[in-house]
């Protein structure tokens, strides 16, 4: 997944989670690090998005039982 693809999939609250994952002092600092291309911030955002997709998929599949 490219940086641009990750950036397009950012949703409300993602930067808040990112702040905690990369130990940024503020949400704005986390956003800035991500947008500047910080490798740790990009990898963390990628994992946030992948985990969100898995959670949604698992929840929906459990509800169909």
PDB file of N, CA and C in Angstrom:
ATOM      1  N   UNK A   1       0.849  -1.176   0.000  1.00  0.00           N
ATOM      2  CA  UNK A   1       0.000   0.000   0.000  1.00  0.00           C
ATOM      3  C   UNK A   1       0.899   1.245   0.000  1.00  0.00           C
ATOM      4  N   UNK A   2       0.609   2.170  -0.884  1.00  0.00           N
ATOM      5  CA  UNK A   2       1.419   3.376  -0.979  1.00  0.00           C
ATOM      6  C   UNK A   2       0.976   4.405   0.060  1.00  0.00           C
ATOM      7  N   UNK A   3       1.832   5.405   0.256  1.00  0.00           N
ATOM      8  CA  UNK A   3       1.512   6.482   1.187  1.00  0.00           C
ATOM      9  C   UNK A   3       0.204   7.164   0.796  1.00  0.00           C
ATOM     10  N   UNK A   4       0.022   7.414  -0.485  1.00  0.00           N
ATOM     11  CA  UNK A   4      -1.197   8.085  -0.946  1.00  0.00           C
ATOM     12  C   UNK A   4      -2.439   7.244  -0.681  1.00  0.00           C
ATOM     13  N   UNK A   5      -2.333   5.938  -0.844  1.00  0.00           N
ATOM     14  CA  UNK A   5      -3.471   5.058  -0.572  1.00  0.00           C
ATOM     15  C   UNK A   5      -3.812   5.067   0.917  1.00  0.00           C
ATOM     16  N   UNK A   6      -2.782   5.039   1.747  1.00  0.00           N
ATOM     17  CA  UNK A   6      -3.006   5.092   3.194  1.00  0.00           C
ATOM     18  C   UNK A   6      -3.655   6.418   3.564  1.00  0.00           C
ATOM     19  N   UNK A   7      -3.129   7.501   3.002  1.00  0.00           N
ATOM     20  CA  UNK A   7      -3.646   8.846   3.293  1.00  0.00           C
ATOM     21  C   UNK A   7      -5.115   8.978   2.910  1.00  0.00           C
ATOM     22  N   UNK A   8      -5.516   8.382   1.798  1.00  0.00           N
ATOM     23  CA  UNK A   8      -6.910   8.463   1.348  1.00  0.00           C
ATOM     24  C   UNK A   8      -7.865   7.720   2.283  1.00  0.00           C
ATOM     25  N   UNK A   9      -7.367   6.699   2.982  1.00  0.00           N
ATOM     26  CA  UNK A   9      -8.221   5.874   3.836  1.00  0.00           C
ATOM     27  C   UNK A   9      -8.271   6.347   5.289  1.00  0.00           C
ATOM     28  N   UNK A  10      -7.628   7.462   5.600  1.00  0.00           N
ATOM     29  CA  UNK A  10      -7.645   7.979   6.968  1.00  0.00           C
ATOM     30  C   UNK A  10      -9.077   8.381   7.320  1.00  0.00           C
ATOM     31  N   UNK A  11      -9.524   7.932   8.481  1.00  0.00           N
ATOM     32  CA  UNK A  11     -10.870   8.245   8.950  1.00  0.00           C
ATOM     33  C   UNK A  11     -10.807   9.010  10.267  1.00  0.00           C
ATOM     34  N   UNK A  12     -11.955   9.536  10.643  1.00  0.00           N
ATOM     35  CA  UNK A  12     -12.083  10.273  11.892  1.00  0.00           C
ATOM     36  C   UNK A  12     -11.569   9.415  13.049  1.00  0.00           C
ATOM     37  N   UNK A  13     -10.708   9.967  13.856  1.00  0.00           N
ATOM     38  CA  UNK A  13     -10.188   9.267  15.022  1.00  0.00           C
ATOM     39  C   UNK A  13      -8.862   8.566  14.788  1.00  0.00           C
ATOM     40  N   UNK A  14      -8.476   8.372  13.535  1.00  0.00           N
ATOM     41  CA  UNK A  14      -7.228   7.665  13.253  1.00  0.00           C
ATOM     42  C   UNK A  14      -6.011   8.408  13.811  1.00  0.00           C
ATOM     43  N   UNK A  15      -6.021   9.710  13.706  1.00  0.00           N
ATOM     44  CA  UNK A  15      -4.871  10.473  14.215  1.00  0.00           C
ATOM     45  C   UNK A  15      -4.808  10.418  15.742  1.00  0.00           C
ATOM     46  N   UNK A  16      -5.951  10.297  16.401  1.00  0.00           N
ATOM     47  CA  UNK A  16      -5.953  10.149  17.859  1.00  0.00           C
ATOM     48  C   UNK A  16      -5.267   8.855  18.268  1.00  0.00           C
ATOM     49  N   UNK A  17      -5.602   7.771  17.578  1.00  0.00           N
ATOM     50  CA  UNK A  17      -4.968   6.483  17.865  1.00  0.00           C
ATOM     51  C   UNK A  17      -3.483   6.558  17.516  1.00  0.00           C
ATOM     52  N   UNK A  18      -3.177   7.168  16.390  1.00  0.00           N
ATOM     53  CA  UNK A  18      -1.780   7.320  15.961  1.00  0.00           C
ATOM     54  C   UNK A  18      -0.962   8.043  17.021  1.00  0.00           C
ATOM     55  N   UNK A  19      -1.538   9.071  17.610  1.00  0.00           N
ATOM     56  CA  UNK A  19      -0.838   9.826  18.654  1.00  0.00           C
ATOM     57  C   UNK A  19      -0.355   8.899  19.765  1.00  0.00           C
ATOM     58  N   UNK A  20      -1.212   7.994  20.195  1.00  0.00           N
ATOM     59  CA  UNK A  20      -0.853   7.079  21.279  1.00  0.00           C
ATOM     60  C   UNK A  20       0.167   6.040  20.823  1.00  0.00           C
ATOM     61  N   UNK A  21       0.031   5.561  19.595  1.00  0.00           N
ATOM     62  CA  UNK A  21       0.943   4.532  19.111  1.00  0.00           C
ATOM     63  C   UNK A  21       2.376   5.039  18.953  1.00  0.00           C
ATOM     64  N   UNK A  22       2.523   6.269  18.495  1.00  0.00           N
ATOM     65  CA  UNK A  22       3.879   6.791  18.260  1.00  0.00           C
ATOM     66  C   UNK A  22       4.344   7.729  19.375  1.00  0.00           C
ATOM     67  N   UNK A  23       3.553   7.826  20.435  1.00  0.00           N
ATOM     68  CA  UNK A  23       3.893   8.671  21.587  1.00  0.00           C
ATOM     69  C   UNK A  23       4.139  10.127  21.211  1.00  0.00           C
ATOM     70  N   UNK A  24       3.279  10.639  20.357  1.00  0.00           N
ATOM     71  CA  UNK A  24       3.362  12.049  19.980  1.00  0.00           C
ATOM     72  C   UNK A  24       2.707  12.886  21.080  1.00  0.00           C
ATOM     73  N   UNK A  25       3.202  14.092  21.321  1.00  0.00           N
ATOM     74  CA  UNK A  25       2.640  14.915  22.396  1.00  0.00           C
ATOM     75  C   UNK A  25       1.211  15.404  22.124  1.00  0.00           C
ATOM     76  N   UNK A  26       0.863  15.573  20.847  1.00  0.00           N
ATOM     77  CA  UNK A  26      -0.481  16.037  20.487  1.00  0.00           C
ATOM     78  C   UNK A  26      -0.941  15.312  19.222  1.00  0.00           C
ATOM     79  N   UNK A  27      -2.232  15.412  18.956  1.00  0.00           N
ATOM     80  CA  UNK A  27      -2.779  14.843  17.725  1.00  0.00           C
ATOM     81  C   UNK A  27      -2.177  15.569  16.521  1.00  0.00           C
ATOM     82  N   UNK A  28      -2.021  16.876  16.638  1.00  0.00           N
ATOM     83  CA  UNK A  28      -1.441  17.654  15.538  1.00  0.00           C
ATOM     84  C   UNK A  28      -0.016  17.201  15.235  1.00  0.00           C
ATOM     85  N   UNK A  29       0.739  16.875  16.258  1.00  0.00           N
ATOM     86  CA  UNK A  29       2.117  16.394  16.062  1.00  0.00           C
ATOM     87  C   UNK A  29       2.108  15.036  15.368  1.00  0.00           C
ATOM     88  N   UNK A  30       1.176  14.182  15.742  1.00  0.00           N
ATOM     89  CA  UNK A  30       1.060  12.874  15.103  1.00  0.00           C
ATOM     90  C   UNK A  30       0.705  13.037  13.629  1.00  0.00           C
ATOM     91  N   UNK A  31      -0.257  13.907  13.350  1.00  0.00           N
ATOM     92  CA  UNK A  31      -0.660  14.177  11.969  1.00  0.00           C
ATOM     93  C   UNK A  31       0.513  14.715  11.162  1.00  0.00           C
ATOM     94  N   UNK A  32       1.258  15.646  11.748  1.00  0.00           N
ATOM     95  CA  UNK A  32       2.399  16.238  11.052  1.00  0.00           C
ATOM     96  C   UNK A  32       3.464  15.189  10.737  1.00  0.00           C
ATOM     97  N   UNK A  33       3.732  14.328  11.694  1.00  0.00           N
ATOM     98  CA  UNK A  33       4.732  13.282  11.452  1.00  0.00           C
ATOM     99  C   UNK A  33       4.291  12.354  10.329  1.00  0.00           C
ATOM    100  N   UNK A  34       3.016  12.007  10.331  1.00  0.00           N
ATOM    101  CA  UNK A  34       2.485  11.151   9.268  1.00  0.00           C
ATOM    102  C   UNK A  34       2.604  11.841   7.915  1.00  0.00           C
ATOM    103  N   UNK A  35       2.151  13.081   7.840  1.00  0.00           N
ATOM    104  CA  UNK A  35       2.145  13.805   6.569  1.00  0.00           C
ATOM    105  C   UNK A  35       3.548  14.146   6.073  1.00  0.00           C
ATOM    106  N   UNK A  36       4.509  14.208   6.983  1.00  0.00           N
ATOM    107  CA  UNK A  36       5.909  14.427   6.578  1.00  0.00           C
ATOM    108  C   UNK A  36       6.570  13.149   6.083  1.00  0.00           C
ATOM    109  N   UNK A  37       5.901  12.021   6.279  1.00  0.00           N
ATOM    110  CA  UNK A  37       6.432  10.762   5.785  1.00  0.00           C
ATOM    111  C   UNK A  37       7.280   9.994   6.778  1.00  0.00           C
ATOM    112  N   UNK A  38       7.089  10.241   8.071  1.00  0.00           N
ATOM    113  CA  UNK A  38       7.809   9.503   9.100  1.00  0.00           C
ATOM    114  C   UNK A  38       7.463   8.011   8.981  1.00  0.00           C
ATOM    115  N   UNK A  39       8.490   7.170   8.864  1.00  0.00           N
ATOM    116  CA  UNK A  39       8.273   5.733   8.637  1.00  0.00           C
ATOM    117  C   UNK A  39       7.439   5.073   9.733  1.00  0.00           C
ATOM    118  N   UNK A  40       7.721   5.393  10.998  1.00  0.00           N
ATOM    119  CA  UNK A  40       6.959   4.806  12.104  1.00  0.00           C
ATOM    120  C   UNK A  40       5.502   5.239  12.065  1.00  0.00           C
ATOM    121  N   UNK A  41       5.268   6.485  11.764  1.00  0.00           N
ATOM    122  CA  UNK A  41       3.897   7.000  11.707  1.00  0.00           C
ATOM    123  C   UNK A  41       3.124   6.360  10.554  1.00  0.00           C
ATOM    124  N   UNK A  42       3.781   6.182   9.425  1.00  0.00           N
ATOM    125  CA  UNK A  42       3.123   5.559   8.275  1.00  0.00           C
ATOM    126  C   UNK A  42       2.788   4.106   8.581  1.00  0.00           C
ATOM    127  N   UNK A  43       3.722   3.377   9.148  1.00  0.00           N
ATOM    128  CA  UNK A  43       3.479   1.964   9.487  1.00  0.00           C
ATOM    129  C   UNK A  43       2.367   1.839  10.523  1.00  0.00           C
ATOM    130  N   UNK A  44       2.366   2.719  11.512  1.00  0.00           N
ATOM    131  CA  UNK A  44       1.317   2.688  12.536  1.00  0.00           C
ATOM    132  C   UNK A  44      -0.047   2.972  11.918  1.00  0.00           C
ATOM    133  N   UNK A  45      -0.122   3.955  11.023  1.00  0.00           N
ATOM    134  CA  UNK A  45      -1.399   4.286  10.373  1.00  0.00           C
ATOM    135  C   UNK A  45      -1.862   3.123   9.508  1.00  0.00           C
ATOM    136  N   UNK A  46      -0.956   2.481   8.847  1.00  0.00           N
ATOM    137  CA  UNK A  46      -1.301   1.313   8.030  1.00  0.00           C
ATOM    138  C   UNK A  46      -1.908   0.217   8.908  1.00  0.00           C
ATOM    139  N   UNK A  47      -1.320  -0.009  10.060  1.00  0.00           N
ATOM    140  CA  UNK A  47      -1.841  -1.031  10.979  1.00  0.00           C
ATOM    141  C   UNK A  47      -3.193  -0.625  11.556  1.00  0.00           C
ATOM    142  N   UNK A  48      -3.367   0.654  11.850  1.00  0.00           N
ATOM    143  CA  UNK A  48      -4.657   1.144  12.348  1.00  0.00           C
ATOM    144  C   UNK A  48      -5.749   0.807  11.332  1.00  0.00           C
ATOM    145  N   UNK A  49      -5.482   1.111  10.075  1.00  0.00           N
ATOM    146  CA  UNK A  49      -6.478   0.886   9.030  1.00  0.00           C
ATOM    147  C   UNK A  49      -6.738  -0.601   8.808  1.00  0.00           C
ATOM    148  N   UNK A  50      -5.696  -1.407   8.793  1.00  0.00           N
ATOM    149  CA  UNK A  50      -5.866  -2.849   8.603  1.00  0.00           C
ATOM    150  C   UNK A  50      -6.664  -3.455   9.754  1.00  0.00           C
ATOM    151  N   UNK A  51      -6.345  -3.055  10.971  1.00  0.00           N
ATOM    152  CA  UNK A  51      -7.059  -3.586  12.130  1.00  0.00           C
ATOM    153  C   UNK A  51      -8.511  -3.151  12.149  1.00  0.00           C
ATOM    154  N   UNK A  52      -8.796  -1.930  11.733  1.00  0.00           N
ATOM    155  CA  UNK A  52     -10.180  -1.457  11.669  1.00  0.00           C
ATOM    156  C   UNK A  52     -10.965  -2.298  10.668  1.00  0.00           C
ATOM    157  N   UNK A  53     -10.371  -2.549   9.500  1.00  0.00           N
ATOM    158  CA  UNK A  53     -11.044  -3.342   8.477  1.00  0.00           C
ATOM    159  C   UNK A  53     -11.312  -4.767   8.970  1.00  0.00           C
ATOM    160  N   UNK A  54     -10.335  -5.367   9.651  1.00  0.00           N
ATOM    161  CA  UNK A  54     -10.511  -6.710  10.196  1.00  0.00           C
ATOM    162  C   UNK A  54     -11.617  -6.730  11.254  1.00  0.00           C
ATOM    163  N   UNK A  55     -11.620  -5.745  12.132  1.00  0.00           N
ATOM    164  CA  UNK A  55     -12.630  -5.659  13.180  1.00  0.00           C
ATOM    165  C   UNK A  55     -14.025  -5.558  12.587  1.00  0.00           C
ATOM    166  N   UNK A  56     -14.197  -4.711  11.603  1.00  0.00           N
ATOM    167  CA  UNK A  56     -15.504  -4.538  10.962  1.00  0.00           C
ATOM    168  C   UNK A  56     -15.933  -5.832  10.286  1.00  0.00           C
ATOM    169  N   UNK A  57     -15.023  -6.449   9.565  1.00  0.00           N
ATOM    170  CA  UNK A  57     -15.326  -7.705   8.872  1.00  0.00           C
ATOM    171  C   UNK A  57     -15.711  -8.807   9.859  1.00  0.00           C
ATOM    172  N   UNK A  58     -14.936  -8.946  10.935  1.00  0.00           N
ATOM    173  CA  UNK A  58     -15.235  -9.968  11.941  1.00  0.00           C
ATOM    174  C   UNK A  58     -16.566  -9.713  12.630  1.00  0.00           C
ATOM    175  N   UNK A  59     -16.828  -8.482  12.959  1.00  0.00           N
ATOM    176  CA  UNK A  59     -18.081  -8.159  13.640  1.00  0.00           C
ATOM    177  C   UNK A  59     -19.277  -8.466  12.744  1.00  0.00           C
ATOM    178  N   UNK A  60     -19.179  -8.058  11.482  1.00  0.00           N
ATOM    179  CA  UNK A  60     -20.281  -8.301  10.564  1.00  0.00           C
ATOM    180  C   UNK A  60     -20.503  -9.789  10.340  1.00  0.00           C
ATOM    181  N   UNK A  61     -19.437 -10.553  10.247  1.00  0.00           N
ATOM    182  CA  UNK A  61     -19.598 -11.995  10.013  1.00  0.00           C
ATOM    183  C   UNK A  61     -20.191 -12.674  11.248  1.00  0.00           C
ATOM    184  N   UNK A  62     -19.886 -12.192  12.438  1.00  0.00           N
ATOM    185  CA  UNK A  62     -20.460 -12.755  13.659  1.00  0.00           C
ATOM    186  C   UNK A  62     -21.943 -12.423  13.785  1.00  0.00           C
ATOM    187  N   UNK A  63     -22.354 -11.288  13.286  1.00  0.00           N
ATOM    188  CA  UNK A  63     -23.754 -10.876  13.372  1.00  0.00           C
ATOM    189  C   UNK A  63     -24.661 -11.690  12.465  1.00  0.00           C
ATOM    190  N   UNK A  64     -24.098 -12.327  11.455  1.00  0.00           N
ATOM    191  CA  UNK A  64     -24.904 -13.103  10.503  1.00  0.00           C
ATOM    192  C   UNK A  64     -25.236 -14.486  11.046  1.00  0.00           C
ATOM    193  N   UNK A  65     -24.672 -14.845  12.186  1.00  0.00           N
ATOM    194  CA  UNK A  65     -24.907 -16.183  12.752  1.00  0.00           C
ATOM    195  C   UNK A  65     -26.301 -16.302  13.300  1.00  0.00           C
TER     196      UNK A  65
END
